[in-house]
PDB file of N, CA and C in Angstrom:
ATOM      1  N   MET A   1      -1.106  21.360  -5.476  1.00  0.00           N
ATOM      2  CA  MET A   1      -1.082  19.998  -4.967  1.00  0.00           C
ATOM      3  C   MET A   1      -2.512  19.587  -4.643  1.00  0.00           C
ATOM      4  N   ILE A   2      -2.882  18.463  -5.173  1.00  0.00           N
ATOM      5  CA  ILE A   2      -4.193  17.883  -4.884  1.00  0.00           C
ATOM      6  C   ILE A   2      -3.959  16.699  -3.958  1.00  0.00           C
ATOM      7  N   LYS A   3      -4.660  16.695  -2.836  1.00  0.00           N
ATOM      8  CA  LYS A   3      -4.527  15.602  -1.882  1.00  0.00           C
ATOM      9  C   LYS A   3      -5.916  15.072  -1.576  1.00  0.00           C
ATOM     10  N   THR A   4      -6.090  13.775  -1.759  1.00  0.00           N
ATOM     11  CA  THR A   4      -7.375  13.133  -1.539  1.00  0.00           C
ATOM     12  C   THR A   4      -7.188  11.945  -0.613  1.00  0.00           C
ATOM     13  N   THR A   5      -7.999  11.868   0.431  1.00  0.00           N
ATOM     14  CA  THR A   5      -7.979  10.711   1.307  1.00  0.00           C
ATOM     15  C   THR A   5      -9.258   9.930   1.080  1.00  0.00           C
ATOM     16  N   LEU A   6      -9.099   8.681   0.676  1.00  0.00           N
ATOM     17  CA  LEU A   6     -10.259   7.834   0.426  1.00  0.00           C
ATOM     18  C   LEU A   6     -10.782   7.276   1.747  1.00  0.00           C
ATOM     19  N   PRO A   7     -12.083   7.036   1.835  1.00  0.00           N
ATOM     20  CA  PRO A   7     -12.672   6.572   3.092  1.00  0.00           C
ATOM     21  C   PRO A   7     -12.506   5.074   3.350  1.00  0.00           C
ATOM     22  N   CYS A   8     -11.430   4.496   2.829  1.00  0.00           N
ATOM     23  CA  CYS A   8     -11.159   3.084   3.129  1.00  0.00           C
ATOM     24  C   CYS A   8      -9.655   2.867   3.212  1.00  0.00           C
ATOM     25  N   TYR A   9      -9.240   2.131   4.202  1.00  0.00           N
ATOM     26  CA  TYR A   9      -7.861   1.702   4.380  1.00  0.00           C
ATOM     27  C   TYR A   9      -6.850   2.837   4.504  1.00  0.00           C
ATOM     28  N   GLY A  10      -7.285   4.036   4.821  1.00  0.00           N
ATOM     29  CA  GLY A  10      -6.351   5.149   4.993  1.00  0.00           C
ATOM     30  C   GLY A  10      -5.576   5.501   3.741  1.00  0.00           C
ATOM     31  N   ILE A  11      -6.158   5.270   2.573  1.00  0.00           N
ATOM     32  CA  ILE A  11      -5.473   5.543   1.309  1.00  0.00           C
ATOM     33  C   ILE A  11      -5.491   7.042   1.039  1.00  0.00           C
ATOM     34  N   THR A  12      -4.289   7.607   0.816  1.00  0.00           N
ATOM     35  CA  THR A  12      -4.155   9.025   0.501  1.00  0.00           C
ATOM     36  C   THR A  12      -3.426   9.173  -0.826  1.00  0.00           C
ATOM     37  N   LEU A  13      -4.015   9.943  -1.734  1.00  0.00           N
ATOM     38  CA  LEU A  13      -3.416  10.232  -3.035  1.00  0.00           C
ATOM     39  C   LEU A  13      -2.938  11.673  -3.037  1.00  0.00           C
ATOM     40  N   SER A  14      -1.729  11.908  -3.502  1.00  0.00           N
ATOM     41  CA  SER A  14      -1.189  13.269  -3.613  1.00  0.00           C
ATOM     42  C   SER A  14      -0.690  13.456  -5.037  1.00  0.00           C
ATOM     43  N   MET A  15      -1.151  14.519  -5.680  1.00  0.00           N
ATOM     44  CA  MET A  15      -0.743  14.792  -7.056  1.00  0.00           C
ATOM     45  C   MET A  15      -0.469  16.276  -7.213  1.00  0.00           C
ATOM     46  N   SER A  16       0.664  16.611  -7.830  1.00  0.00           N
ATOM     47  CA  SER A  16       0.941  18.004  -8.154  1.00  0.00           C
ATOM     48  C   SER A  16       1.023  18.110  -9.673  1.00  0.00           C
ATOM     49  N   ALA A  17       0.576  19.206 -10.181  1.00  0.00           N
ATOM     50  CA  ALA A  17       0.527  19.406 -11.628  1.00  0.00           C
ATOM     51  C   ALA A  17       1.912  19.725 -12.175  1.00  0.00           C
ATOM     52  N   ILE A  18       2.084  19.411 -13.451  1.00  0.00           N
ATOM     53  CA  ILE A  18       3.309  19.799 -14.143  1.00  0.00           C
ATOM     54  C   ILE A  18       3.188  21.283 -14.447  1.00  0.00           C
ATOM     55  N   ASP A  19       4.214  22.048 -14.075  1.00  0.00           N
ATOM     56  CA  ASP A  19       4.128  23.498 -14.188  1.00  0.00           C
ATOM     57  C   ASP A  19       5.388  24.055 -14.855  1.00  0.00           C
ATOM     58  N   PHE A  20       5.240  24.669 -16.011  1.00  0.00           N
ATOM     59  CA  PHE A  20       6.321  25.348 -16.722  1.00  0.00           C
ATOM     60  C   PHE A  20       7.575  24.484 -16.854  1.00  0.00           C
ATOM     61  N   GLY A  21       7.410  23.289 -17.356  1.00  0.00           N
ATOM     62  CA  GLY A  21       8.541  22.424 -17.636  1.00  0.00           C
ATOM     63  C   GLY A  21       9.054  21.628 -16.445  1.00  0.00           C
ATOM     64  N   SER A  22       8.570  21.918 -15.246  1.00  0.00           N
ATOM     65  CA  SER A  22       9.010  21.119 -14.108  1.00  0.00           C
ATOM     66  C   SER A  22       8.193  19.844 -14.065  1.00  0.00           C
ATOM     67  N   ARG A  23       8.722  18.853 -13.414  1.00  0.00           N
ATOM     68  CA  ARG A  23       8.013  17.576 -13.336  1.00  0.00           C
ATOM     69  C   ARG A  23       6.995  17.629 -12.213  1.00  0.00           C
ATOM     70  N   GLY A  24       5.843  17.107 -12.494  1.00  0.00           N
ATOM     71  CA  GLY A  24       4.839  16.958 -11.453  1.00  0.00           C
ATOM     72  C   GLY A  24       5.184  15.751 -10.603  1.00  0.00           C
ATOM     73  N   SER A  25       4.439  15.545  -9.556  1.00  0.00           N
ATOM     74  CA  SER A  25       4.695  14.372  -8.739  1.00  0.00           C
ATOM     75  C   SER A  25       3.377  13.716  -8.357  1.00  0.00           C
ATOM     76  N   ILE A  26       3.443  12.419  -8.196  1.00  0.00           N
ATOM     77  CA  ILE A  26       2.288  11.672  -7.743  1.00  0.00           C
ATOM     78  C   ILE A  26       2.753  10.707  -6.666  1.00  0.00           C
ATOM     79  N   ALA A  27       1.914  10.498  -5.677  1.00  0.00           N
ATOM     80  CA  ALA A  27       2.261   9.571  -4.602  1.00  0.00           C
ATOM     81  C   ALA A  27       0.982   8.993  -4.021  1.00  0.00           C
ATOM     82  N   CYS A  28       1.132   7.839  -3.433  1.00  0.00           N
ATOM     83  CA  CYS A  28       0.010   7.173  -2.801  1.00  0.00           C
ATOM     84  C   CYS A  28       0.521   6.528  -1.525  1.00  0.00           C
ATOM     85  N   SER A  29      -0.193   6.715  -0.432  1.00  0.00           N
ATOM     86  CA  SER A  29       0.192   6.074   0.816  1.00  0.00           C
ATOM     87  C   SER A  29      -1.034   5.406   1.423  1.00  0.00           C
ATOM     88  N   SER A  30      -0.782   4.483   2.337  1.00  0.00           N
ATOM     89  CA  SER A  30      -1.887   3.727   2.910  1.00  0.00           C
ATOM     90  C   SER A  30      -1.471   3.041   4.194  1.00  0.00           C
ATOM     91  N   ASP A  31      -2.476   2.654   4.979  1.00  0.00           N
ATOM     92  CA  ASP A  31      -2.259   1.866   6.196  1.00  0.00           C
ATOM     93  C   ASP A  31      -2.353   0.376   5.908  1.00  0.00           C
ATOM     94  N   LEU A  32      -2.387   0.001   4.641  1.00  0.00           N
ATOM     95  CA  LEU A  32      -2.633  -1.380   4.252  1.00  0.00           C
ATOM     96  C   LEU A  32      -1.461  -2.322   4.460  1.00  0.00           C
ATOM     97  N   TYR A  33      -0.259  -1.800   4.483  1.00  0.00           N
ATOM     98  CA  TYR A  33       0.919  -2.660   4.486  1.00  0.00           C
ATOM     99  C   TYR A  33       1.060  -3.461   5.775  1.00  0.00           C
ATOM    100  N   SER A  34       1.565  -4.677   5.624  1.00  0.00           N
ATOM    101  CA  SER A  34       1.910  -5.531   6.754  1.00  0.00           C
ATOM    102  C   SER A  34       3.368  -5.244   7.110  1.00  0.00           C
ATOM    103  N   THR A  35       3.675  -5.143   8.392  1.00  0.00           N
ATOM    104  CA  THR A  35       5.027  -4.781   8.803  1.00  0.00           C
ATOM    105  C   THR A  35       5.635  -5.827   9.735  1.00  0.00           C
ATOM    106  N   CYS A  36       6.943  -5.787   9.858  1.00  0.00           N
ATOM    107  CA  CYS A  36       7.673  -6.660  10.772  1.00  0.00           C
ATOM    108  C   CYS A  36       7.220  -6.353  12.195  1.00  0.00           C
ATOM    109  N   SER A  37       6.894  -7.374  12.946  1.00  0.00           N
ATOM    110  CA  SER A  37       6.415  -7.161  14.314  1.00  0.00           C
ATOM    111  C   SER A  37       7.526  -6.677  15.236  1.00  0.00           C
ATOM    112  N   SER A  38       8.773  -6.787  14.799  1.00  0.00           N
ATOM    113  CA  SER A  38       9.890  -6.359  15.637  1.00  0.00           C
ATOM    114  C   SER A  38      10.315  -4.918  15.370  1.00  0.00           C
ATOM    115  N   CYS A  39      10.464  -4.559  14.093  1.00  0.00           N
ATOM    116  CA  CYS A  39      10.992  -3.224  13.776  1.00  0.00           C
ATOM    117  C   CYS A  39       9.982  -2.314  13.085  1.00  0.00           C
ATOM    118  N   GLY A  40       8.876  -2.885  12.593  1.00  0.00           N
ATOM    119  CA  GLY A  40       7.879  -2.081  11.901  1.00  0.00           C
ATOM    120  C   GLY A  40       8.177  -1.858  10.430  1.00  0.00           C
ATOM    121  N   GLY A  41       9.273  -2.427   9.921  1.00  0.00           N
ATOM    122  CA  GLY A  41       9.636  -2.256   8.519  1.00  0.00           C
ATOM    123  C   GLY A  41       8.776  -3.100   7.598  1.00  0.00           C
ATOM    124  N   ARG A  42       8.437  -2.556   6.435  1.00  0.00           N
ATOM    125  CA  ARG A  42       7.632  -3.294   5.444  1.00  0.00           C
ATOM    126  C   ARG A  42       8.422  -4.384   4.764  1.00  0.00           C
ATOM    127  N   ASN A  43       9.708  -4.155   4.545  1.00  0.00           N
ATOM    128  CA  ASN A  43      10.511  -5.077   3.750  1.00  0.00           C
ATOM    129  C   ASN A  43      11.609  -5.754   4.555  1.00  0.00           C
ATOM    130  N   CYS A  44      11.476  -5.822   5.850  1.00  0.00           N
ATOM    131  CA  CYS A  44      12.487  -6.425   6.708  1.00  0.00           C
ATOM    132  C   CYS A  44      12.610  -7.925   6.404  1.00  0.00           C
ATOM    133  N   LEU A  45      13.833  -8.373   6.163  1.00  0.00           N
ATOM    134  CA  LEU A  45      14.124  -9.796   5.906  1.00  0.00           C
ATOM    135  C   LEU A  45      15.102 -10.270   6.969  1.00  0.00           C
ATOM    136  N   TYR A  46      14.643 -10.315   8.199  1.00  0.00           N
ATOM    137  CA  TYR A  46      15.518 -10.683   9.324  1.00  0.00           C
ATOM    138  C   TYR A  46      16.677  -9.708   9.476  1.00  0.00           C
ATOM    139  N   GLN A  47      16.486  -8.457   9.090  1.00  0.00           N
ATOM    140  CA  GLN A  47      17.564  -7.482   9.166  1.00  0.00           C
ATOM    141  C   GLN A  47      17.601  -6.778  10.520  1.00  0.00           C
ATOM    142  N   CYS A  48      16.524  -6.807  11.240  1.00  0.00           N
ATOM    143  CA  CYS A  48      16.495  -6.107  12.525  1.00  0.00           C
ATOM    144  C   CYS A  48      16.869  -7.071  13.647  1.00  0.00           C
ATOM    145  N   ASP A  49      17.403  -6.524  14.732  1.00  0.00           N
ATOM    146  CA  ASP A  49      17.799  -7.348  15.872  1.00  0.00           C
ATOM    147  C   ASP A  49      16.604  -8.070  16.479  1.00  0.00           C
ATOM    148  N   GLY A  50      15.470  -7.422  16.532  1.00  0.00           N
ATOM    149  CA  GLY A  50      14.295  -8.000  17.165  1.00  0.00           C
ATOM    150  C   GLY A  50      13.739  -9.212  16.454  1.00  0.00           C
ATOM    151  N   SER A  51      14.008  -9.345  15.154  1.00  0.00           N
ATOM    152  CA  SER A  51      13.462 -10.492  14.427  1.00  0.00           C
ATOM    153  C   SER A  51      14.245 -11.768  14.711  1.00  0.00           C
ATOM    154  N   HIS A  52      15.364 -11.655  15.411  1.00  0.00           N
ATOM    155  CA  HIS A  52      16.194 -12.818  15.713  1.00  0.00           C
ATOM    156  C   HIS A  52      16.063 -13.295  17.152  1.00  0.00           C
ATOM    157  N   ILE A  53      15.467 -12.468  18.006  1.00  0.00           N
ATOM    158  CA  ILE A  53      15.435 -12.824  19.419  1.00  0.00           C
ATOM    159  C   ILE A  53      14.035 -12.689  19.985  1.00  0.00           C
ATOM    160  N   GLY A  54      13.800 -13.288  21.112  1.00  0.00           N
ATOM    161  CA  GLY A  54      12.542 -13.105  21.825  1.00  0.00           C
ATOM    162  C   GLY A  54      11.421 -13.963  21.280  1.00  0.00           C
ATOM    163  N   GLU A  55      10.221 -13.665  21.736  1.00  0.00           N
ATOM    164  CA  GLU A  55       9.047 -14.457  21.383  1.00  0.00           C
ATOM    165  C   GLU A  55       8.491 -14.124  20.008  1.00  0.00           C
ATOM    166  N   ASP A  56       8.868 -12.994  19.437  1.00  0.00           N
ATOM    167  CA  ASP A  56       8.330 -12.564  18.153  1.00  0.00           C
ATOM    168  C   ASP A  56       9.183 -12.986  16.974  1.00  0.00           C
ATOM    169  N   VAL A  57       9.939 -14.045  17.112  1.00  0.00           N
ATOM    170  CA  VAL A  57      10.795 -14.499  16.012  1.00  0.00           C
ATOM    171  C   VAL A  57       9.907 -14.843  14.812  1.00  0.00           C
ATOM    172  N   GLN A  58      10.242 -14.285  13.667  1.00  0.00           N
ATOM    173  CA  GLN A  58       9.451 -14.510  12.466  1.00  0.00           C
ATOM    174  C   GLN A  58      10.082 -15.611  11.619  1.00  0.00           C
ATOM    175  N   GLY A  59       9.248 -16.543  11.183  1.00  0.00           N
ATOM    176  CA  GLY A  59       9.718 -17.601  10.314  1.00  0.00           C
ATOM    177  C   GLY A  59       9.787 -17.137   8.878  1.00  0.00           C
ATOM    178  N   GLU A  60      10.509 -17.909   8.066  1.00  0.00           N
ATOM    179  CA  GLU A  60      10.637 -17.577   6.648  1.00  0.00           C
ATOM    180  C   GLU A  60       9.281 -17.473   5.970  1.00  0.00           C
ATOM    181  N   GLU A  61       8.372 -18.369   6.334  1.00  0.00           N
ATOM    182  CA  GLU A  61       7.049 -18.378   5.714  1.00  0.00           C
ATOM    183  C   GLU A  61       6.291 -17.086   6.018  1.00  0.00           C
ATOM    184  N   GLU A  62       6.381 -16.613   7.251  1.00  0.00           N
ATOM    185  CA  GLU A  62       5.700 -15.372   7.628  1.00  0.00           C
ATOM    186  C   GLU A  62       6.276 -14.187   6.880  1.00  0.00           C
ATOM    187  N   VAL A  63       7.614 -14.125   6.805  1.00  0.00           N
ATOM    188  CA  VAL A  63       8.267 -13.020   6.099  1.00  0.00           C
ATOM    189  C   VAL A  63       7.909 -13.067   4.617  1.00  0.00           C
ATOM    190  N   SER A  64       7.957 -14.247   4.015  1.00  0.00           N
ATOM    191  CA  SER A  64       7.617 -14.392   2.605  1.00  0.00           C
ATOM    192  C   SER A  64       6.169 -13.973   2.353  1.00  0.00           C
ATOM    193  N   GLY A  65       5.260 -14.395   3.222  1.00  0.00           N
ATOM    194  CA  GLY A  65       3.856 -14.013   3.087  1.00  0.00           C
ATOM    195  C   GLY A  65       3.656 -12.516   3.198  1.00  0.00           C
ATOM    196  N   ARG A  66       4.384 -11.885   4.149  1.00  0.00           N
ATOM    197  CA  ARG A  66       4.279 -10.428   4.318  1.00  0.00           C
ATOM    198  C   ARG A  66       4.754  -9.709   3.071  1.00  0.00           C
ATOM    199  N   LEU A  67       5.873 -10.162   2.494  1.00  0.00           N
ATOM    200  CA  LEU A  67       6.408  -9.519   1.291  1.00  0.00           C
ATOM    201  C   LEU A  67       5.487  -9.707   0.095  1.00  0.00           C
ATOM    202  N   GLN A  68       4.886 -10.888  -0.045  1.00  0.00           N
ATOM    203  CA  GLN A  68       3.937 -11.129  -1.136  1.00  0.00           C
ATOM    204  C   GLN A  68       2.704 -10.240  -0.969  1.00  0.00           C
ATOM    205  N   TYR A  69       2.178 -10.169   0.247  1.00  0.00           N
ATOM    206  CA  TYR A  69       1.001  -9.326   0.512  1.00  0.00           C
ATOM    207  C   TYR A  69       1.324  -7.867   0.202  1.00  0.00           C
ATOM    208  N   ASN A  70       2.485  -7.390   0.665  1.00  0.00           N
ATOM    209  CA  ASN A  70       2.853  -5.993   0.418  1.00  0.00           C
ATOM    210  C   ASN A  70       3.051  -5.723  -1.065  1.00  0.00           C
ATOM    211  N   GLY A  71       3.513  -6.724  -1.821  1.00  0.00           N
ATOM    212  CA  GLY A  71       3.614  -6.578  -3.279  1.00  0.00           C
ATOM    213  C   GLY A  71       2.243  -6.406  -3.916  1.00  0.00           C
ATOM    214  N   ALA A  72       1.263  -7.175  -3.419  1.00  0.00           N
ATOM    215  CA  ALA A  72      -0.115  -7.025  -3.917  1.00  0.00           C
ATOM    216  C   ALA A  72      -0.658  -5.646  -3.574  1.00  0.00           C
ATOM    217  N   VAL A  73      -0.374  -5.162  -2.368  1.00  0.00           N
ATOM    218  CA  VAL A  73      -0.812  -3.819  -1.956  1.00  0.00           C
ATOM    219  C   VAL A  73      -0.195  -2.771  -2.877  1.00  0.00           C
ATOM    220  N   ASP A  74       1.104  -2.897  -3.166  1.00  0.00           N
ATOM    221  CA  ASP A  74       1.763  -1.954  -4.081  1.00  0.00           C
ATOM    222  C   ASP A  74       1.059  -1.920  -5.433  1.00  0.00           C
ATOM    223  N   GLY A  75       0.710  -3.090  -5.954  1.00  0.00           N
ATOM    224  CA  GLY A  75       0.035  -3.167  -7.244  1.00  0.00           C
ATOM    225  C   GLY A  75      -1.335  -2.502  -7.221  1.00  0.00           C
ATOM    226  N   ILE A  76      -2.098  -2.761  -6.163  1.00  0.00           N
ATOM    227  CA  ILE A  76      -3.439  -2.173  -6.044  1.00  0.00           C
ATOM    228  C   ILE A  76      -3.337  -0.655  -5.913  1.00  0.00           C
ATOM    229  N   LEU A  77      -2.416  -0.175  -5.082  1.00  0.00           N
ATOM    230  CA  LEU A  77      -2.259   1.275  -4.911  1.00  0.00           C
ATOM    231  C   LEU A  77      -1.780   1.941  -6.191  1.00  0.00           C
ATOM    232  N   SER A  78      -0.897   1.278  -6.930  1.00  0.00           N
ATOM    233  CA  SER A  78      -0.426   1.831  -8.211  1.00  0.00           C
ATOM    234  C   SER A  78      -1.573   1.960  -9.200  1.00  0.00           C
ATOM    235  N   MET A  79      -2.449   0.968  -9.218  1.00  0.00           N
ATOM    236  CA  MET A  79      -3.596   1.018 -10.122  1.00  0.00           C
ATOM    237  C   MET A  79      -4.547   2.147  -9.722  1.00  0.00           C
ATOM    238  N   ILE A  80      -4.793   2.304  -8.424  1.00  0.00           N
ATOM    239  CA  ILE A  80      -5.663   3.386  -7.957  1.00  0.00           C
ATOM    240  C   ILE A  80      -5.085   4.729  -8.383  1.00  0.00           C
ATOM    241  N   LEU A  81      -3.787   4.905  -8.183  1.00  0.00           N
ATOM    242  CA  LEU A  81      -3.138   6.163  -8.544  1.00  0.00           C
ATOM    243  C   LEU A  81      -3.207   6.409 -10.047  1.00  0.00           C
ATOM    244  N   ALA A  82      -2.963   5.378 -10.835  1.00  0.00           N
ATOM    245  CA  ALA A  82      -3.044   5.519 -12.295  1.00  0.00           C
ATOM    246  C   ALA A  82      -4.459   5.877 -12.729  1.00  0.00           C
ATOM    247  N   HIS A  83      -5.453   5.264 -12.115  1.00  0.00           N
ATOM    248  CA  HIS A  83      -6.844   5.588 -12.442  1.00  0.00           C
ATOM    249  C   HIS A  83      -7.164   7.035 -12.088  1.00  0.00           C
ATOM    250  N   ALA A  84      -6.682   7.489 -10.927  1.00  0.00           N
ATOM    251  CA  ALA A  84      -6.933   8.883 -10.523  1.00  0.00           C
ATOM    252  C   ALA A  84      -6.303   9.852 -11.517  1.00  0.00           C
ATOM    253  N   VAL A  85      -5.078   9.564 -11.935  1.00  0.00           N
ATOM    254  CA  VAL A  85      -4.387  10.424 -12.897  1.00  0.00           C
ATOM    255  C   VAL A  85      -5.125  10.431 -14.236  1.00  0.00           C
ATOM    256  N   ALA A  86      -5.712   9.296 -14.618  1.00  0.00           N
ATOM    257  CA  ALA A  86      -6.437   9.185 -15.889  1.00  0.00           C
ATOM    258  C   ALA A  86      -7.819   9.838 -15.816  1.00  0.00           C
ATOM    259  N   GLY A  87      -8.231  10.278 -14.644  1.00  0.00           N
ATOM    260  CA  GLY A  87      -9.511  10.964 -14.518  1.00  0.00           C
ATOM    261  C   GLY A  87     -10.662  10.110 -14.049  1.00  0.00           C
ATOM    262  N   ILE A  88     -10.405   8.876 -13.678  1.00  0.00           N
ATOM    263  CA  ILE A  88     -11.466   8.017 -13.150  1.00  0.00           C
ATOM    264  C   ILE A  88     -11.817   8.473 -11.739  1.00  0.00           C
ATOM    265  N   ASP A  89     -13.079   8.484 -11.415  1.00  0.00           N
ATOM    266  CA  ASP A  89     -13.535   8.910 -10.088  1.00  0.00           C
ATOM    267  C   ASP A  89     -13.267   7.803  -9.076  1.00  0.00           C
ATOM    268  N   VAL A  90     -12.114   7.885  -8.404  1.00  0.00           N
ATOM    269  CA  VAL A  90     -11.734   6.847  -7.448  1.00  0.00           C
ATOM    270  C   VAL A  90     -12.457   7.002  -6.111  1.00  0.00           C
ATOM    271  N   GLU A  91     -13.292   8.031  -6.002  1.00  0.00           N
ATOM    272  CA  GLU A  91     -14.064   8.232  -4.772  1.00  0.00           C
ATOM    273  C   GLU A  91     -15.511   7.752  -4.907  1.00  0.00           C
ATOM    274  N   SER A  92     -15.872   7.233  -6.071  1.00  0.00           N
ATOM    275  CA  SER A  92     -17.246   6.761  -6.265  1.00  0.00           C
ATOM    276  C   SER A  92     -17.486   5.513  -5.422  1.00  0.00           C
ATOM    277  N   PRO A  93     -18.721   5.313  -4.974  1.00  0.00           N
ATOM    278  CA  PRO A  93     -19.031   4.130  -4.154  1.00  0.00           C
ATOM    279  C   PRO A  93     -18.656   2.813  -4.836  1.00  0.00           C
ATOM    280  N   ALA A  94     -18.889   2.699  -6.135  1.00  0.00           N
ATOM    281  CA  ALA A  94     -18.570   1.463  -6.844  1.00  0.00           C
ATOM    282  C   ALA A  94     -17.057   1.220  -6.863  1.00  0.00           C
ATOM    283  N   TYR A  95     -16.274   2.278  -7.071  1.00  0.00           N
ATOM    284  CA  TYR A  95     -14.819   2.125  -7.096  1.00  0.00           C
ATOM    285  C   TYR A  95     -14.296   1.744  -5.711  1.00  0.00           C
ATOM    286  N   LEU A  96     -14.818   2.381  -4.678  1.00  0.00           N
ATOM    287  CA  LEU A  96     -14.400   2.056  -3.310  1.00  0.00           C
ATOM    288  C   LEU A  96     -14.731   0.610  -2.959  1.00  0.00           C
ATOM    289  N   GLU A  97     -15.880   0.138  -3.422  1.00  0.00           N
ATOM    290  CA  GLU A  97     -16.250  -1.262  -3.205  1.00  0.00           C
ATOM    291  C   GLU A  97     -15.254  -2.189  -3.904  1.00  0.00           C
ATOM    292  N   GLY A  98     -14.807  -1.784  -5.086  1.00  0.00           N
ATOM    293  CA  GLY A  98     -13.805  -2.562  -5.813  1.00  0.00           C
ATOM    294  C   GLY A  98     -12.483  -2.625  -5.068  1.00  0.00           C
ATOM    295  N   ILE A  99     -12.071  -1.512  -4.446  1.00  0.00           N
ATOM    296  CA  ILE A  99     -10.841  -1.501  -3.647  1.00  0.00           C
ATOM    297  C   ILE A  99     -10.978  -2.485  -2.483  1.00  0.00           C
ATOM    298  N   GLU A 100     -12.101  -2.432  -1.807  1.00  0.00           N
ATOM    299  CA  GLU A 100     -12.324  -3.318  -0.664  1.00  0.00           C
ATOM    300  C   GLU A 100     -12.308  -4.790  -1.097  1.00  0.00           C
ATOM    301  N   THR A 101     -12.920  -5.089  -2.222  1.00  0.00           N
ATOM    302  CA  THR A 101     -12.941  -6.455  -2.736  1.00  0.00           C
ATOM    303  C   THR A 101     -11.527  -6.917  -3.089  1.00  0.00           C
ATOM    304  N   ALA A 102     -10.754  -6.055  -3.745  1.00  0.00           N
ATOM    305  CA  ALA A 102      -9.384  -6.404  -4.117  1.00  0.00           C
ATOM    306  C   ALA A 102      -8.526  -6.651  -2.885  1.00  0.00           C
ATOM    307  N   MET A 103      -8.679  -5.830  -1.865  1.00  0.00           N
ATOM    308  CA  MET A 103      -7.884  -6.002  -0.651  1.00  0.00           C
ATOM    309  C   MET A 103      -8.287  -7.267   0.109  1.00  0.00           C
ATOM    310  N   GLU A 104      -9.565  -7.567   0.149  1.00  0.00           N
ATOM    311  CA  GLU A 104     -10.011  -8.808   0.802  1.00  0.00           C
ATOM    312  C   GLU A 104      -9.426 -10.013   0.071  1.00  0.00           C
ATOM    313  N   ALA A 105      -9.417  -9.967  -1.262  1.00  0.00           N
ATOM    314  CA  ALA A 105      -8.875 -11.074  -2.047  1.00  0.00           C
ATOM    315  C   ALA A 105      -7.372 -11.235  -1.797  1.00  0.00           C
ATOM    316  N   ALA A 106      -6.667 -10.121  -1.729  1.00  0.00           N
ATOM    317  CA  ALA A 106      -5.225 -10.190  -1.448  1.00  0.00           C
ATOM    318  C   ALA A 106      -4.968 -10.802  -0.081  1.00  0.00           C
ATOM    319  N   GLY A 107      -5.751 -10.404   0.900  1.00  0.00           N
ATOM    320  CA  GLY A 107      -5.583 -10.931   2.247  1.00  0.00           C
ATOM    321  C   GLY A 107      -5.905 -12.412   2.343  1.00  0.00           C
ATOM    322  N   GLU A 108      -6.869 -12.863   1.595  1.00  0.00           N
ATOM    323  CA  GLU A 108      -7.287 -14.259   1.656  1.00  0.00           C
ATOM    324  C   GLU A 108      -6.417 -15.187   0.818  1.00  0.00           C
ATOM    325  N   ASN A 109      -5.842 -14.656  -0.250  1.00  0.00           N
ATOM    326  CA  ASN A 109      -5.114 -15.513  -1.186  1.00  0.00           C
ATOM    327  C   ASN A 109      -3.606 -15.487  -1.040  1.00  0.00           C
ATOM    328  N   LEU A 110      -3.095 -14.636  -0.195  1.00  0.00           N
ATOM    329  CA  LEU A 110      -1.626 -14.572  -0.033  1.00  0.00           C
ATOM    330  C   LEU A 110      -1.237 -14.926   1.373  1.00  0.00           C
TER     331      LEU A 110
END
């Protein structure tokens, strides 16, 4: 198992090799996702009790924006993982700068 933590946004890549006919695995995790302020879920659509009551009631626009942003994060993380699997040096300063630029754009445009 190869595990790499990039020095931006808490991105962690985990890859295990394919061994004797078994399937390898790849995964990517990050602190980038926006979550429901009531339950902490990434994909909550008014499903938790807290999103319906109290001062933290989330509007449709906020939920829609969170889901769109998280979709962009999924796409960026998938690309990083695919690049790592293809042998691209995802730890190079230029690549890390590209990740930061992509995340800033996602945050500003969604």
